[in-house]
PDB file of N, CA and C in Angstrom:
ATOM      1  N   MET A   1       0.714  -1.140   0.423  1.00  0.00           N
ATOM      2  CA  MET A   1      -0.024   0.091   0.195  1.00  0.00           C
ATOM      3  C   MET A   1       1.243   0.746   0.075  1.00  0.00           C
ATOM      4  N   ASP A   2       1.921   1.113   0.825  1.00  0.00           N
ATOM      5  CA  ASP A   2       3.005   2.506   0.680  1.00  0.00           C
ATOM      6  C   ASP A   2       3.330   2.445  -0.844  1.00  0.00           C
ATOM      7  N   ASN A   3       4.091   1.632  -1.305  1.00  0.00           N
ATOM      8  CA  ASN A   3       4.659   1.682  -2.500  1.00  0.00           C
ATOM      9  C   ASN A   3       3.634   2.544  -3.697  1.00  0.00           C
ATOM     10  N   LEU A   4       2.072   1.809  -3.628  1.00  0.00           N
ATOM     11  CA  LEU A   4       0.915   2.414  -4.353  1.00  0.00           C
ATOM     12  C   LEU A   4       0.964   4.055  -4.046  1.00  0.00           C
ATOM     13  N   LEU A   5       1.123   4.636  -2.531  1.00  0.00           N
ATOM     14  CA  LEU A   5       0.663   5.781  -2.615  1.00  0.00           C
ATOM     15  C   LEU A   5       1.828   6.610  -2.948  1.00  0.00           C
ATOM     16  N   SER A   6       3.171   6.178  -2.817  1.00  0.00           N
ATOM     17  CA  SER A   6       4.389   7.095  -3.195  1.00  0.00           C
ATOM     18  C   SER A   6       4.257   7.131  -4.894  1.00  0.00           C
ATOM     19  N   GLU A   7       4.084   6.139  -5.272  1.00  0.00           N
ATOM     20  CA  GLU A   7       3.811   6.116  -7.011  1.00  0.00           C
ATOM     21  C   GLU A   7       2.783   7.363  -7.370  1.00  0.00           C
ATOM     22  N   GLY A   8       1.851   6.780  -6.472  1.00  0.00           N
ATOM     23  CA  GLY A   8       1.104   8.508  -6.750  1.00  0.00           C
ATOM     24  C   GLY A   8       1.479   9.700  -6.292  1.00  0.00           C
ATOM     25  N   LEU A   9       1.949   9.499  -5.292  1.00  0.00           N
ATOM     26  CA  LEU A   9       2.571  11.013  -5.121  1.00  0.00           C
ATOM     27  C   LEU A   9       3.329  11.450  -6.472  1.00  0.00           C
ATOM     28  N   THR A  10       4.145  10.633  -6.729  1.00  0.00           N
ATOM     29  CA  THR A  10       5.331  10.811  -7.696  1.00  0.00           C
ATOM     30  C   THR A  10       4.837  11.151  -9.263  1.00  0.00           C
ATOM     31  N   LEU A  11       3.739  10.863  -8.954  1.00  0.00           N
ATOM     32  CA  LEU A  11       3.406  10.804 -10.564  1.00  0.00           C
ATOM     33  C   LEU A  11       2.080  12.033 -10.576  1.00  0.00           C
ATOM     34  N   MET A  12       1.590  12.511  -9.432  1.00  0.00           N
ATOM     35  CA  MET A  12       1.150  13.742  -9.077  1.00  0.00           C
ATOM     36  C   MET A  12       1.967  15.062  -9.305  1.00  0.00           C
ATOM     37  N   VAL A  13       3.233  14.728  -8.720  1.00  0.00           N
ATOM     38  CA  VAL A  13       4.432  15.748  -8.940  1.00  0.00           C
ATOM     39  C   VAL A  13       4.880  15.754 -10.361  1.00  0.00           C
ATOM     40  N   PHE A  14       5.202  15.132 -10.722  1.00  0.00           N
ATOM     41  CA  PHE A  14       5.592  14.905 -12.546  1.00  0.00           C
ATOM     42  C   PHE A  14       4.791  15.748 -12.956  1.00  0.00           C
ATOM     43  N   GLY A  15       3.304  15.292 -12.969  1.00  0.00           N
ATOM     44  CA  GLY A  15       2.088  15.790 -13.887  1.00  0.00           C
ATOM     45  C   GLY A  15       2.349  17.334 -13.863  1.00  0.00           C
ATOM     46  N   MET A  16       1.834  17.797 -12.252  1.00  0.00           N
ATOM     47  CA  MET A  16       1.710  18.801 -12.055  1.00  0.00           C
ATOM     48  C   MET A  16       3.052  20.043 -12.510  1.00  0.00           C
ATOM     49  N   GLY A  17       4.307  19.181 -12.189  1.00  0.00           N
ATOM     50  CA  GLY A  17       5.683  19.898 -12.494  1.00  0.00           C
ATOM     51  C   GLY A  17       5.343  20.243 -14.421  1.00  0.00           C
ATOM     52  N   PHE A  18       4.674  19.027 -14.708  1.00  0.00           N
ATOM     53  CA  PHE A  18       4.880  19.160 -16.596  1.00  0.00           C
ATOM     54  C   PHE A  18       3.843  20.015 -16.844  1.00  0.00           C
ATOM     55  N   VAL A  19       2.971  20.255 -15.986  1.00  0.00           N
ATOM     56  CA  VAL A  19       1.336  21.367 -16.685  1.00  0.00           C
ATOM     57  C   VAL A  19       2.119  22.805 -16.089  1.00  0.00           C
ATOM     58  N   PHE A  20       2.933  22.823 -15.109  1.00  0.00           N
ATOM     59  CA  PHE A  20       3.323  24.211 -14.826  1.00  0.00           C
ATOM     60  C   PHE A  20       4.736  24.784 -15.855  1.00  0.00           C
ATOM     61  N   THR A  21       5.463  23.736 -16.365  1.00  0.00           N
ATOM     62  CA  THR A  21       6.403  24.131 -16.988  1.00  0.00           C
ATOM     63  C   THR A  21       5.799  24.512 -18.350  1.00  0.00           C
ATOM     64  N   PHE A  22       4.720  24.007 -19.203  1.00  0.00           N
ATOM     65  CA  PHE A  22       4.055  23.874 -20.660  1.00  0.00           C
ATOM     66  C   PHE A  22       3.765  25.399 -20.459  1.00  0.00           C
ATOM     67  N   LEU A  23       2.849  25.663 -18.934  1.00  0.00           N
ATOM     68  CA  LEU A  23       2.141  26.849 -18.998  1.00  0.00           C
ATOM     69  C   LEU A  23       3.156  28.380 -19.124  1.00  0.00           C
ATOM     70  N   THR A  24       4.043  28.146 -18.490  1.00  0.00           N
ATOM     71  CA  THR A  24       5.197  28.877 -17.927  1.00  0.00           C
ATOM     72  C   THR A  24       5.335  29.228 -19.541  1.00  0.00           C
ATOM     73  N   LEU A  25       6.094  28.211 -20.248  1.00  0.00           N
ATOM     74  CA  LEU A  25       6.448  28.572 -21.322  1.00  0.00           C
ATOM     75  C   LEU A  25       5.507  28.886 -22.377  1.00  0.00           C
ATOM     76  N   LEU A  26       4.066  28.836 -22.348  1.00  0.00           N
ATOM     77  CA  LEU A  26       3.407  29.208 -23.086  1.00  0.00           C
ATOM     78  C   LEU A  26       3.155  30.743 -22.724  1.00  0.00           C
ATOM     79  N   VAL A  27       3.187  31.206 -21.737  1.00  0.00           N
ATOM     80  CA  VAL A  27       3.319  32.641 -21.280  1.00  0.00           C
ATOM     81  C   VAL A  27       4.291  33.451 -21.944  1.00  0.00           C
ATOM     82  N   VAL A  28       5.641  32.330 -21.773  1.00  0.00           N
ATOM     83  CA  VAL A  28       6.695  33.412 -22.524  1.00  0.00           C
ATOM     84  C   VAL A  28       6.880  33.453 -23.750  1.00  0.00           C
ATOM     85  N   VAL A  29       6.279  32.415 -24.412  1.00  0.00           N
ATOM     86  CA  VAL A  29       6.223  32.347 -26.243  1.00  0.00           C
ATOM     87  C   VAL A  29       5.021  33.291 -26.459  1.00  0.00           C
ATOM     88  N   THR A  30       3.829  33.511 -25.544  1.00  0.00           N
ATOM     89  CA  THR A  30       3.085  34.743 -26.249  1.00  0.00           C
ATOM     90  C   THR A  30       3.268  35.808 -25.658  1.00  0.00           C
ATOM     91  N   THR A  31       4.077  36.103 -25.070  1.00  0.00           N
ATOM     92  CA  THR A  31       4.892  37.614 -24.574  1.00  0.00           C
ATOM     93  C   THR A  31       5.409  38.097 -25.258  1.00  0.00           C
ATOM     94  N   TYR A  32       6.153  36.891 -26.558  1.00  0.00           N
ATOM     95  CA  TYR A  32       7.366  37.205 -26.838  1.00  0.00           C
ATOM     96  C   TYR A  32       6.973  37.565 -28.603  1.00  0.00           C
ATOM     97  N   MET A  33       5.981  36.649 -28.719  1.00  0.00           N
ATOM     98  CA  MET A  33       4.845  37.167 -30.062  1.00  0.00           C
ATOM     99  C   MET A  33       4.438  38.416 -30.133  1.00  0.00           C
ATOM    100  N   SER A  34       3.759  38.561 -29.060  1.00  0.00           N
ATOM    101  CA  SER A  34       3.555  39.861 -28.823  1.00  0.00           C
ATOM    102  C   SER A  34       4.131  40.864 -29.076  1.00  0.00           C
ATOM    103  N   LYS A  35       5.415  40.952 -28.371  1.00  0.00           N
ATOM    104  CA  LYS A  35       6.023  42.402 -28.721  1.00  0.00           C
ATOM    105  C   LYS A  35       6.833  42.054 -29.951  1.00  0.00           C
ATOM    106  N   LEU A  36       6.872  40.678 -30.626  1.00  0.00           N
ATOM    107  CA  LEU A  36       7.244  41.159 -32.033  1.00  0.00           C
ATOM    108  C   LEU A  36       6.384  41.262 -33.469  1.00  0.00           C
ATOM    109  N   VAL A  37       4.832  41.327 -32.658  1.00  0.00           N
ATOM    110  CA  VAL A  37       3.983  41.886 -33.794  1.00  0.00           C
ATOM    111  C   VAL A  37       3.675  42.998 -33.785  1.00  0.00           C
ATOM    112  N   VAL A  38       4.111  44.215 -32.357  1.00  0.00           N
ATOM    113  CA  VAL A  38       4.268  45.199 -32.349  1.00  0.00           C
ATOM    114  C   VAL A  38       5.389  46.056 -32.664  1.00  0.00           C
ATOM    115  N   LYS A  39       6.459  45.243 -33.086  1.00  0.00           N
ATOM    116  CA  LYS A  39       7.560  45.563 -33.468  1.00  0.00           C
ATOM    117  C   LYS A  39       7.675  45.833 -34.817  1.00  0.00           C
ATOM    118  N   PHE A  40       7.003  44.995 -35.872  1.00  0.00           N
ATOM    119  CA  PHE A  40       7.095  44.200 -37.306  1.00  0.00           C
ATOM    120  C   PHE A  40       5.747  45.372 -37.745  1.00  0.00           C
ATOM    121  N   GLU A  41       4.807  45.442 -36.800  1.00  0.00           N
ATOM    122  CA  GLU A  41       3.274  45.444 -37.331  1.00  0.00           C
ATOM    123  C   GLU A  41       3.514  47.201 -38.161  1.00  0.00           C
ATOM    124  N   PRO A  42       3.232  47.789 -39.516  1.00  0.00           N
ATOM    125  CA  PRO A  42       2.930  48.962 -39.525  1.00  0.00           C
ATOM    126  C   PRO A  42       2.038  49.741 -38.329  1.00  0.00           C
ATOM    127  N   ALA A  43       2.567  51.212 -38.873  1.00  0.00           N
ATOM    128  CA  ALA A  43       1.848  52.040 -37.889  1.00  0.00           C
ATOM    129  C   ALA A  43       0.659  52.450 -39.054  1.00  0.00           C
ATOM    130  N   ALA A  44      -0.911  52.188 -37.975  1.00  0.00           N
ATOM    131  CA  ALA A  44      -2.069  52.442 -38.362  1.00  0.00           C
ATOM    132  C   ALA A  44      -2.138  53.751 -38.779  1.00  0.00           C
ATOM    133  N   GLN A  45      -2.778  54.058 -40.052  1.00  0.00           N
ATOM    134  CA  GLN A  45      -3.050  55.255 -40.931  1.00  0.00           C
ATOM    135  C   GLN A  45      -4.395  55.215 -40.764  1.00  0.00           C
ATOM    136  N   PRO A  46      -4.815  56.565 -39.776  1.00  0.00           N
ATOM    137  CA  PRO A  46      -5.503  57.217 -39.487  1.00  0.00           C
ATOM    138  C   PRO A  46      -6.526  57.638 -40.468  1.00  0.00           C
ATOM    139  N   LYS A  47      -8.024  57.619 -40.272  1.00  0.00           N
ATOM    140  CA  LYS A  47      -8.779  57.716 -41.487  1.00  0.00           C
ATOM    141  C   LYS A  47      -9.246  59.130 -41.341  1.00  0.00           C
ATOM    142  N   VAL A  48      -9.133  59.572 -42.228  1.00  0.00           N
ATOM    143  CA  VAL A  48      -9.538  60.812 -42.841  1.00  0.00           C
ATOM    144  C   VAL A  48     -11.417  60.983 -42.910  1.00  0.00           C
ATOM    145  N   THR A  49     -12.128  61.781 -42.072  1.00  0.00           N
ATOM    146  CA  THR A  49     -13.435  61.905 -41.902  1.00  0.00           C
ATOM    147  C   THR A  49     -13.534  63.385 -42.259  1.00  0.00           C
ATOM    148  N   SER A  50     -14.540  63.842 -43.113  1.00  0.00           N
ATOM    149  CA  SER A  50     -15.588  65.051 -43.509  1.00  0.00           C
ATOM    150  C   SER A  50     -15.801  65.532 -42.025  1.00  0.00           C
ATOM    151  N   SER A  51     -15.293  66.799 -42.160  1.00  0.00           N
ATOM    152  CA  SER A  51     -15.980  67.774 -40.864  1.00  0.00           C
ATOM    153  C   SER A  51     -17.864  67.827 -41.175  1.00  0.00           C
ATOM    154  N   ARG A  52     -18.470  67.455 -42.264  1.00  0.00           N
ATOM    155  CA  ARG A  52     -19.860  67.696 -42.547  1.00  0.00           C
ATOM    156  C   ARG A  52     -20.231  66.460 -42.553  1.00  0.00           C
ATOM    157  N   PRO A  53     -21.568  66.455 -41.497  1.00  0.00           N
ATOM    158  CA  PRO A  53     -22.046  64.948 -42.098  1.00  0.00           C
ATOM    159  C   PRO A  53     -22.823  64.344 -43.360  1.00  0.00           C
ATOM    160  N   THR A  54     -22.884  63.293 -43.756  1.00  0.00           N
ATOM    161  CA  THR A  54     -23.228  62.900 -44.918  1.00  0.00           C
ATOM    162  C   THR A  54     -24.501  62.892 -44.828  1.00  0.00           C
ATOM    163  N   PRO A  55     -25.262  63.077 -45.880  1.00  0.00           N
ATOM    164  CA  PRO A  55     -26.877  63.375 -45.861  1.00  0.00           C
ATOM    165  C   PRO A  55     -27.710  62.090 -45.938  1.00  0.00           C
ATOM    166  N   ALA A  56     -29.049  62.409 -45.453  1.00  0.00           N
ATOM    167  CA  ALA A  56     -29.825  61.343 -45.330  1.00  0.00           C
ATOM    168  C   ALA A  56     -30.104  60.721 -46.456  1.00  0.00           C
ATOM    169  N   VAL A  57     -30.646  59.911 -46.773  1.00  0.00           N
ATOM    170  CA  VAL A  57     -30.970  58.945 -47.989  1.00  0.00           C
ATOM    171  C   VAL A  57     -31.944  59.708 -48.123  1.00  0.00           C
ATOM    172  N   ALA A  58     -32.392  60.473 -49.412  1.00  0.00           N
ATOM    173  CA  ALA A  58     -33.122  60.966 -49.977  1.00  0.00           C
ATOM    174  C   ALA A  58     -34.604  60.209 -50.371  1.00  0.00           C
ATOM    175  N   VAL A  59     -35.819  60.550 -50.508  1.00  0.00           N
ATOM    176  CA  VAL A  59     -36.933  59.992 -51.091  1.00  0.00           C
ATOM    177  C   VAL A  59     -37.390  60.273 -52.219  1.00  0.00           C
ATOM    178  N   GLN A  60     -37.273  59.312 -53.277  1.00  0.00           N
ATOM    179  CA  GLN A  60     -37.208  59.585 -54.656  1.00  0.00           C
ATOM    180  C   GLN A  60     -38.401  60.240 -54.971  1.00  0.00           C
ATOM    181  N   GLN A  61     -38.861  61.412 -55.854  1.00  0.00           N
ATOM    182  CA  GLN A  61     -39.822  61.483 -56.609  1.00  0.00           C
ATOM    183  C   GLN A  61     -40.616  60.443 -57.483  1.00  0.00           C
ATOM    184  N   GLY A  62     -41.637  60.329 -57.433  1.00  0.00           N
ATOM    185  CA  GLY A  62     -42.495  59.210 -58.127  1.00  0.00           C
ATOM    186  C   GLY A  62     -42.766  57.935 -57.559  1.00  0.00           C
ATOM    187  N   SER A  63     -42.439  57.669 -56.248  1.00  0.00           N
ATOM    188  CA  SER A  63     -42.264  56.344 -55.470  1.00  0.00           C
ATOM    189  C   SER A  63     -43.895  55.681 -55.146  1.00  0.00           C
ATOM    190  N   ASP A  64     -45.059  56.491 -55.732  1.00  0.00           N
ATOM    191  CA  ASP A  64     -46.138  56.195 -55.109  1.00  0.00           C
ATOM    192  C   ASP A  64     -46.716  54.753 -55.386  1.00  0.00           C
ATOM    193  N   GLU A  65     -45.982  54.424 -56.533  1.00  0.00           N
ATOM    194  CA  GLU A  65     -46.631  53.058 -56.214  1.00  0.00           C
ATOM    195  C   GLU A  65     -46.034  51.626 -55.532  1.00  0.00           C
ATOM    196  N   LEU A  66     -44.469  52.358 -55.463  1.00  0.00           N
ATOM    197  CA  LEU A  66     -44.407  51.293 -54.239  1.00  0.00           C
ATOM    198  C   LEU A  66     -44.568  51.423 -53.103  1.00  0.00           C
ATOM    199  N   VAL A  67     -44.956  52.801 -52.679  1.00  0.00           N
ATOM    200  CA  VAL A  67     -45.850  52.757 -51.112  1.00  0.00           C
ATOM    201  C   VAL A  67     -46.846  52.107 -51.414  1.00  0.00           C
ATOM    202  N   ALA A  68     -47.909  51.908 -52.749  1.00  0.00           N
ATOM    203  CA  ALA A  68     -49.016  51.378 -52.476  1.00  0.00           C
ATOM    204  C   ALA A  68     -48.685  49.556 -52.748  1.00  0.00           C
ATOM    205  N   VAL A  69     -47.524  49.620 -53.115  1.00  0.00           N
ATOM    206  CA  VAL A  69     -47.072  47.868 -53.207  1.00  0.00           C
ATOM    207  C   VAL A  69     -47.061  47.377 -51.914  1.00  0.00           C
ATOM    208  N   ILE A  70     -46.516  48.316 -50.959  1.00  0.00           N
ATOM    209  CA  ILE A  70     -45.831  47.794 -49.815  1.00  0.00           C
ATOM    210  C   ILE A  70     -47.050  47.737 -48.679  1.00  0.00           C
ATOM    211  N   SER A  71     -48.047  49.100 -49.143  1.00  0.00           N
ATOM    212  CA  SER A  71     -49.219  49.487 -48.279  1.00  0.00           C
ATOM    213  C   SER A  71     -49.987  47.490 -48.533  1.00  0.00           C
ATOM    214  N   ALA A  72     -50.143  47.552 -50.179  1.00  0.00           N
ATOM    215  CA  ALA A  72     -50.709  46.186 -50.021  1.00  0.00           C
ATOM    216  C   ALA A  72     -50.517  44.874 -49.663  1.00  0.00           C
ATOM    217  N   ALA A  73     -48.746  44.823 -49.434  1.00  0.00           N
ATOM    218  CA  ALA A  73     -48.406  43.435 -48.736  1.00  0.00           C
ATOM    219  C   ALA A  73     -48.644  43.492 -46.997  1.00  0.00           C
ATOM    220  N   VAL A  74     -48.406  45.134 -46.827  1.00  0.00           N
ATOM    221  CA  VAL A  74     -49.208  44.921 -44.963  1.00  0.00           C
ATOM    222  C   VAL A  74     -50.334  44.571 -44.624  1.00  0.00           C
ATOM    223  N   HIS A  75     -51.134  45.048 -45.835  1.00  0.00           N
ATOM    224  CA  HIS A  75     -52.311  44.603 -45.322  1.00  0.00           C
ATOM    225  C   HIS A  75     -52.840  43.760 -45.592  1.00  0.00           C
ATOM    226  N   LYS A  76     -52.369  42.779 -46.703  1.00  0.00           N
ATOM    227  CA  LYS A  76     -52.613  40.975 -47.035  1.00  0.00           C
ATOM    228  C   LYS A  76     -51.899  40.715 -45.400  1.00  0.00           C
ATOM    229  N   TYR A  77     -50.773  40.984 -44.990  1.00  0.00           N
ATOM    230  CA  TYR A  77     -49.949  40.378 -43.891  1.00  0.00           C
ATOM    231  C   TYR A  77     -50.880  40.193 -43.102  1.00  0.00           C
ATOM    232  N   ARG A  78     -51.470  41.328 -42.321  1.00  0.00           N
ATOM    233  CA  ARG A  78     -52.133  41.622 -41.495  1.00  0.00           C
ATOM    234  C   ARG A  78     -53.877  40.724 -41.379  1.00  0.00           C
ATOM    235  N   SER A  79     -54.380  40.680 -42.585  1.00  0.00           N
ATOM    236  CA  SER A  79     -55.291  39.961 -42.605  1.00  0.00           C
ATOM    237  C   SER A  79     -55.389  38.321 -42.719  1.00  0.00           C
TER     238      SER A  79
END
């Protein structure tokens, strides 16, 4: 029984050590990659925006037929 307990503890220590080592390596590599990307990434170009707002979509003249079709569709849907 004592042998089985010591083997279990040994396996636990090796397993936890492996996981700790892997996660530490993962953090180091991720940090290095982040610094590398920031170093070689080109600077972002600022977007040029106009100072005046864009006009809203204008309603076209002669759209009475469209309004009639939409009204008929809504009426048909509701009934």
